[in-house]
Amino acid sequence: MQRVCKVDEIKPGEGVRVEVDGVPIAVFKVDGEFYALDDTCSHALASLAEGLVEEDTYEVECPKHGSLFDVRDGKPRSLPATQAVGTHTVIVKDDEIYVEV
């Protein structure tokens, strides 16, 4: 587990790019919960942390080609992506966010 940021650094419906052991991770806050995915889209080299988050469907849209990924399980919900991105355990403790890779 590695501390990546404070809870208030991530706004609802937004993503933040962090690194854990040299691995780029996107951390999202959706409906009051925090989720962590590999930051790089499985279809093309684009940062998912920069994507638009659809809070009602728990999806983040890749800013490069528009693929949608579920922030809960990393699975693609639309083309052109067909491969899931990795998910990571998130723990919140004392207003700090920790991620395990």
N, C-alpha and C. Protein backbone atom coordinates (compact mmCIF):
# COMPACT_ATOMS: atom_id res chain seq x y z
N MET A 1 0.84 -1.19 0.00
CA MET A 1 0.00 0.00 0.00
C MET A 1 0.88 1.24 0.00
N GLN A 2 0.52 2.18 -0.83
CA GLN A 2 1.26 3.43 -0.87
C GLN A 2 0.29 4.60 -0.81
N ARG A 3 0.60 5.58 0.01
CA ARG A 3 -0.21 6.80 0.07
C ARG A 3 -0.02 7.55 -1.24
N VAL A 4 -1.15 7.98 -1.85
CA VAL A 4 -1.06 8.68 -3.14
C VAL A 4 -1.55 10.11 -3.09
N CYS A 5 -2.51 10.42 -2.21
CA CYS A 5 -3.01 11.79 -2.10
C CYS A 5 -4.01 11.89 -0.95
N LYS A 6 -4.46 13.11 -0.71
CA LYS A 6 -5.49 13.34 0.28
C LYS A 6 -6.87 13.18 -0.37
N VAL A 7 -7.85 12.85 0.43
CA VAL A 7 -9.21 12.66 -0.05
C VAL A 7 -9.72 13.90 -0.78
N ASP A 8 -9.46 15.08 -0.25
CA ASP A 8 -10.00 16.30 -0.85
C ASP A 8 -9.28 16.74 -2.13
N GLU A 9 -8.25 16.02 -2.54
CA GLU A 9 -7.55 16.33 -3.79
C GLU A 9 -8.28 15.75 -5.01
N ILE A 10 -9.25 14.87 -4.76
CA ILE A 10 -10.01 14.28 -5.86
C ILE A 10 -11.45 14.73 -5.75
N LYS A 11 -11.89 15.48 -6.73
CA LYS A 11 -13.26 15.99 -6.76
C LYS A 11 -14.19 14.92 -7.32
N PRO A 12 -15.46 14.94 -6.90
CA PRO A 12 -16.42 13.97 -7.44
C PRO A 12 -16.48 14.04 -8.96
N GLY A 13 -16.45 12.88 -9.59
CA GLY A 13 -16.54 12.81 -11.04
C GLY A 13 -15.27 13.17 -11.76
N GLU A 14 -14.14 13.20 -11.06
CA GLU A 14 -12.86 13.52 -11.68
C GLU A 14 -11.84 12.44 -11.39
N GLY A 15 -10.79 12.43 -12.19
CA GLY A 15 -9.69 11.50 -11.98
C GLY A 15 -8.41 12.25 -11.70
N VAL A 16 -7.50 11.58 -11.00
CA VAL A 16 -6.19 12.13 -10.70
C VAL A 16 -5.16 11.06 -11.06
N ARG A 17 -4.11 11.47 -11.76
CA ARG A 17 -3.04 10.54 -12.11
C ARG A 17 -2.00 10.55 -10.99
N VAL A 18 -1.64 9.35 -10.53
CA VAL A 18 -0.61 9.17 -9.50
C VAL A 18 0.32 8.06 -9.97
N GLU A 19 1.43 7.88 -9.27
CA GLU A 19 2.32 6.76 -9.56
C GLU A 19 2.52 5.94 -8.29
N VAL A 20 2.44 4.63 -8.44
CA VAL A 20 2.68 3.71 -7.35
C VAL A 20 3.74 2.73 -7.83
N ASP A 21 4.88 2.76 -7.18
CA ASP A 21 6.00 1.90 -7.58
C ASP A 21 6.32 2.05 -9.07
N GLY A 22 6.24 3.28 -9.58
CA GLY A 22 6.55 3.56 -10.97
C GLY A 22 5.45 3.25 -11.95
N VAL A 23 4.30 2.78 -11.46
CA VAL A 23 3.17 2.43 -12.32
C VAL A 23 2.17 3.59 -12.32
N PRO A 24 1.81 4.13 -13.52
CA PRO A 24 0.81 5.19 -13.55
C PRO A 24 -0.58 4.64 -13.26
N ILE A 25 -1.25 5.29 -12.30
CA ILE A 25 -2.57 4.86 -11.84
C ILE A 25 -3.51 6.06 -11.91
N ALA A 26 -4.75 5.82 -12.31
CA ALA A 26 -5.79 6.84 -12.29
C ALA A 26 -6.71 6.55 -11.11
N VAL A 27 -6.91 7.54 -10.25
CA VAL A 27 -7.79 7.37 -9.09
C VAL A 27 -9.01 8.25 -9.32
N PHE A 28 -10.19 7.68 -9.14
CA PHE A 28 -11.44 8.38 -9.38
C PHE A 28 -12.31 8.38 -8.13
N LYS A 29 -13.12 9.42 -8.00
CA LYS A 29 -14.14 9.47 -6.95
C LYS A 29 -15.49 9.48 -7.64
N VAL A 30 -16.26 8.42 -7.41
CA VAL A 30 -17.58 8.30 -8.03
C VAL A 30 -18.57 7.90 -6.95
N ASP A 31 -19.61 8.68 -6.81
CA ASP A 31 -20.67 8.41 -5.83
C ASP A 31 -20.09 8.20 -4.42
N GLY A 32 -19.10 9.00 -4.08
CA GLY A 32 -18.52 8.96 -2.74
C GLY A 32 -17.49 7.88 -2.50
N GLU A 33 -17.24 7.03 -3.49
CA GLU A 33 -16.26 5.95 -3.36
C GLU A 33 -15.05 6.23 -4.26
N PHE A 34 -13.92 5.65 -3.90
CA PHE A 34 -12.69 5.82 -4.67
C PHE A 34 -12.34 4.54 -5.39
N TYR A 35 -11.89 4.68 -6.64
CA TYR A 35 -11.53 3.55 -7.50
C TYR A 35 -10.20 3.85 -8.15
N ALA A 36 -9.39 2.81 -8.37
CA ALA A 36 -8.09 2.98 -9.02
C ALA A 36 -7.95 2.01 -10.18
N LEU A 37 -7.56 2.56 -11.33
CA LEU A 37 -7.34 1.78 -12.55
C LEU A 37 -5.95 2.07 -13.08
N ASP A 38 -5.42 1.15 -13.90
CA ASP A 38 -4.24 1.50 -14.66
C ASP A 38 -4.58 2.76 -15.45
N ASP A 39 -3.67 3.71 -15.49
CA ASP A 39 -3.98 5.00 -16.11
C ASP A 39 -3.97 4.96 -17.63
N THR A 40 -3.33 3.98 -18.22
CA THR A 40 -3.18 3.96 -19.67
C THR A 40 -4.28 3.12 -20.32
N CYS A 41 -5.00 3.73 -21.25
CA CYS A 41 -6.06 3.04 -22.00
C CYS A 41 -5.48 1.79 -22.65
N SER A 42 -6.24 0.71 -22.66
CA SER A 42 -5.78 -0.55 -23.25
C SER A 42 -5.80 -0.52 -24.78
N HIS A 43 -6.43 0.47 -25.38
CA HIS A 43 -6.51 0.56 -26.83
C HIS A 43 -5.41 1.44 -27.40
N ALA A 44 -5.16 2.57 -26.77
CA ALA A 44 -4.16 3.51 -27.27
C ALA A 44 -3.53 4.21 -26.07
N LEU A 45 -2.38 4.75 -26.26
CA LEU A 45 -1.66 5.39 -25.17
C LEU A 45 -2.30 6.73 -24.82
N ALA A 46 -3.24 6.69 -23.89
CA ALA A 46 -3.92 7.91 -23.43
C ALA A 46 -4.17 7.76 -21.94
N SER A 47 -4.12 8.87 -21.22
CA SER A 47 -4.32 8.87 -19.78
C SER A 47 -5.81 8.86 -19.45
N LEU A 48 -6.27 7.81 -18.78
CA LEU A 48 -7.67 7.75 -18.38
C LEU A 48 -8.00 8.78 -17.32
N ALA A 49 -7.02 9.21 -16.54
CA ALA A 49 -7.26 10.24 -15.53
C ALA A 49 -7.72 11.55 -16.16
N GLU A 50 -7.40 11.74 -17.42
CA GLU A 50 -7.81 12.95 -18.14
C GLU A 50 -9.18 12.81 -18.79
N GLY A 51 -9.78 11.63 -18.66
CA GLY A 51 -11.06 11.37 -19.31
C GLY A 51 -12.26 11.91 -18.54
N LEU A 52 -13.34 12.03 -19.25
CA LEU A 52 -14.61 12.47 -18.68
C LEU A 52 -15.22 11.32 -17.90
N VAL A 53 -15.67 11.59 -16.66
CA VAL A 53 -16.28 10.56 -15.82
C VAL A 53 -17.79 10.72 -15.84
N GLU A 54 -18.48 9.62 -16.15
CA GLU A 54 -19.93 9.57 -16.11
C GLU A 54 -20.32 8.93 -14.79
N GLU A 55 -20.68 9.76 -13.80
CA GLU A 55 -20.94 9.23 -12.46
C GLU A 55 -22.14 8.29 -12.40
N ASP A 56 -23.17 8.54 -13.20
CA ASP A 56 -24.37 7.71 -13.12
C ASP A 56 -24.14 6.29 -13.64
N THR A 57 -23.12 6.11 -14.51
CA THR A 57 -22.84 4.78 -15.06
C THR A 57 -21.49 4.22 -14.59
N TYR A 58 -20.78 4.97 -13.74
CA TYR A 58 -19.47 4.54 -13.22
C TYR A 58 -18.47 4.30 -14.35
N GLU A 59 -18.51 5.14 -15.36
CA GLU A 59 -17.62 4.97 -16.51
C GLU A 59 -16.71 6.18 -16.68
N VAL A 60 -15.50 5.90 -17.18
CA VAL A 60 -14.59 6.95 -17.59
C VAL A 60 -14.37 6.80 -19.08
N GLU A 61 -14.37 7.93 -19.79
CA GLU A 61 -14.20 7.92 -21.24
C GLU A 61 -12.76 8.25 -21.59
N CYS A 62 -12.13 7.40 -22.38
CA CYS A 62 -10.78 7.66 -22.84
C CYS A 62 -10.78 8.95 -23.67
N PRO A 63 -9.89 9.89 -23.35
CA PRO A 63 -9.89 11.16 -24.08
C PRO A 63 -9.39 11.05 -25.52
N LYS A 64 -8.78 9.92 -25.88
CA LYS A 64 -8.23 9.81 -27.23
C LYS A 64 -9.23 9.29 -28.26
N HIS A 65 -9.87 8.16 -27.96
CA HIS A 65 -10.80 7.56 -28.93
C HIS A 65 -12.19 7.30 -28.38
N GLY A 66 -12.46 7.68 -27.14
CA GLY A 66 -13.81 7.61 -26.61
C GLY A 66 -14.25 6.29 -26.01
N SER A 67 -13.36 5.32 -25.89
CA SER A 67 -13.76 4.07 -25.24
C SER A 67 -14.19 4.35 -23.81
N LEU A 68 -15.20 3.63 -23.36
CA LEU A 68 -15.68 3.76 -21.98
C LEU A 68 -15.19 2.57 -21.16
N PHE A 69 -14.72 2.85 -19.93
CA PHE A 69 -14.28 1.81 -19.02
C PHE A 69 -15.04 1.95 -17.71
N ASP A 70 -15.46 0.84 -17.15
CA ASP A 70 -16.12 0.83 -15.85
C ASP A 70 -15.04 1.02 -14.78
N VAL A 71 -15.18 2.05 -13.94
CA VAL A 71 -14.15 2.32 -12.93
C VAL A 71 -14.13 1.25 -11.83
N ARG A 72 -15.19 0.46 -11.72
CA ARG A 72 -15.26 -0.55 -10.68
C ARG A 72 -14.48 -1.82 -11.03
N ASP A 73 -14.47 -2.20 -12.32
CA ASP A 73 -13.81 -3.45 -12.69
C ASP A 73 -12.83 -3.32 -13.86
N GLY A 74 -12.71 -2.12 -14.43
CA GLY A 74 -11.75 -1.88 -15.51
C GLY A 74 -12.16 -2.41 -16.87
N LYS A 75 -13.35 -3.01 -16.97
CA LYS A 75 -13.77 -3.60 -18.24
C LYS A 75 -14.23 -2.52 -19.21
N PRO A 76 -13.92 -2.71 -20.51
CA PRO A 76 -14.39 -1.76 -21.51
C PRO A 76 -15.89 -1.92 -21.73
N ARG A 77 -16.56 -0.81 -21.91
CA ARG A 77 -18.01 -0.82 -22.14
C ARG A 77 -18.35 -0.37 -23.56
N SER A 78 -17.31 0.04 -24.30
CA SER A 78 -17.54 0.43 -25.70
C SER A 78 -16.25 0.29 -26.48
N LEU A 79 -16.39 0.19 -27.78
CA LEU A 79 -15.24 0.11 -28.68
C LEU A 79 -14.63 1.51 -28.84
N PRO A 80 -13.40 1.63 -29.24
CA PRO A 80 -12.58 0.59 -29.84
C PRO A 80 -11.84 -0.31 -28.85
N ALA A 81 -11.82 0.02 -27.58
CA ALA A 81 -11.12 -0.84 -26.61
C ALA A 81 -11.85 -2.17 -26.44
N THR A 82 -11.07 -3.24 -26.35
CA THR A 82 -11.64 -4.57 -26.13
C THR A 82 -11.00 -5.26 -24.92
N GLN A 83 -9.91 -4.73 -24.41
CA GLN A 83 -9.21 -5.31 -23.27
C GLN A 83 -9.45 -4.46 -22.03
N ALA A 84 -9.63 -5.11 -20.91
CA ALA A 84 -9.81 -4.40 -19.64
C ALA A 84 -8.48 -3.77 -19.21
N VAL A 85 -8.59 -2.76 -18.37
CA VAL A 85 -7.40 -2.20 -17.71
C VAL A 85 -7.39 -2.73 -16.28
N GLY A 86 -6.20 -2.78 -15.69
CA GLY A 86 -6.08 -3.32 -14.35
C GLY A 86 -6.74 -2.44 -13.30
N THR A 87 -7.24 -3.09 -12.26
CA THR A 87 -7.82 -2.37 -11.13
C THR A 87 -6.92 -2.58 -9.92
N HIS A 88 -7.04 -1.67 -8.96
CA HIS A 88 -6.18 -1.72 -7.79
C HIS A 88 -6.98 -1.42 -6.53
N THR A 89 -6.57 -2.04 -5.45
CA THR A 89 -7.23 -1.85 -4.16
C THR A 89 -6.99 -0.43 -3.66
N VAL A 90 -8.06 0.21 -3.19
CA VAL A 90 -7.98 1.56 -2.61
C VAL A 90 -8.45 1.49 -1.16
N ILE A 91 -7.68 2.08 -0.28
CA ILE A 91 -8.06 2.19 1.13
C ILE A 91 -7.98 3.66 1.52
N VAL A 92 -9.01 4.12 2.22
CA VAL A 92 -9.03 5.48 2.74
C VAL A 92 -8.87 5.40 4.25
N LYS A 93 -7.87 6.12 4.77
CA LYS A 93 -7.60 6.11 6.20
C LYS A 93 -7.14 7.50 6.61
N ASP A 94 -7.83 8.08 7.59
CA ASP A 94 -7.46 9.40 8.11
C ASP A 94 -7.36 10.44 6.99
N ASP A 95 -8.34 10.47 6.10
CA ASP A 95 -8.40 11.43 4.99
C ASP A 95 -7.26 11.29 4.00
N GLU A 96 -6.61 10.15 3.97
CA GLU A 96 -5.54 9.85 3.02
C GLU A 96 -5.97 8.67 2.16
N ILE A 97 -5.58 8.70 0.89
CA ILE A 97 -5.90 7.61 -0.02
C ILE A 97 -4.64 6.79 -0.26
N TYR A 98 -4.79 5.48 -0.10
CA TYR A 98 -3.71 4.53 -0.33
C TYR A 98 -4.12 3.59 -1.45
N VAL A 99 -3.16 3.24 -2.31
CA VAL A 99 -3.42 2.32 -3.42
C VAL A 99 -2.39 1.21 -3.39
N GLU A 100 -2.85 -0.01 -3.67
CA GLU A 100 -1.97 -1.16 -3.76
C GLU A 100 -1.90 -1.62 -5.20
N VAL A 101 -0.68 -1.81 -5.70
CA VAL A 101 -0.48 -2.29 -7.07
C VAL A 101 -0.11 -3.75 -7.01
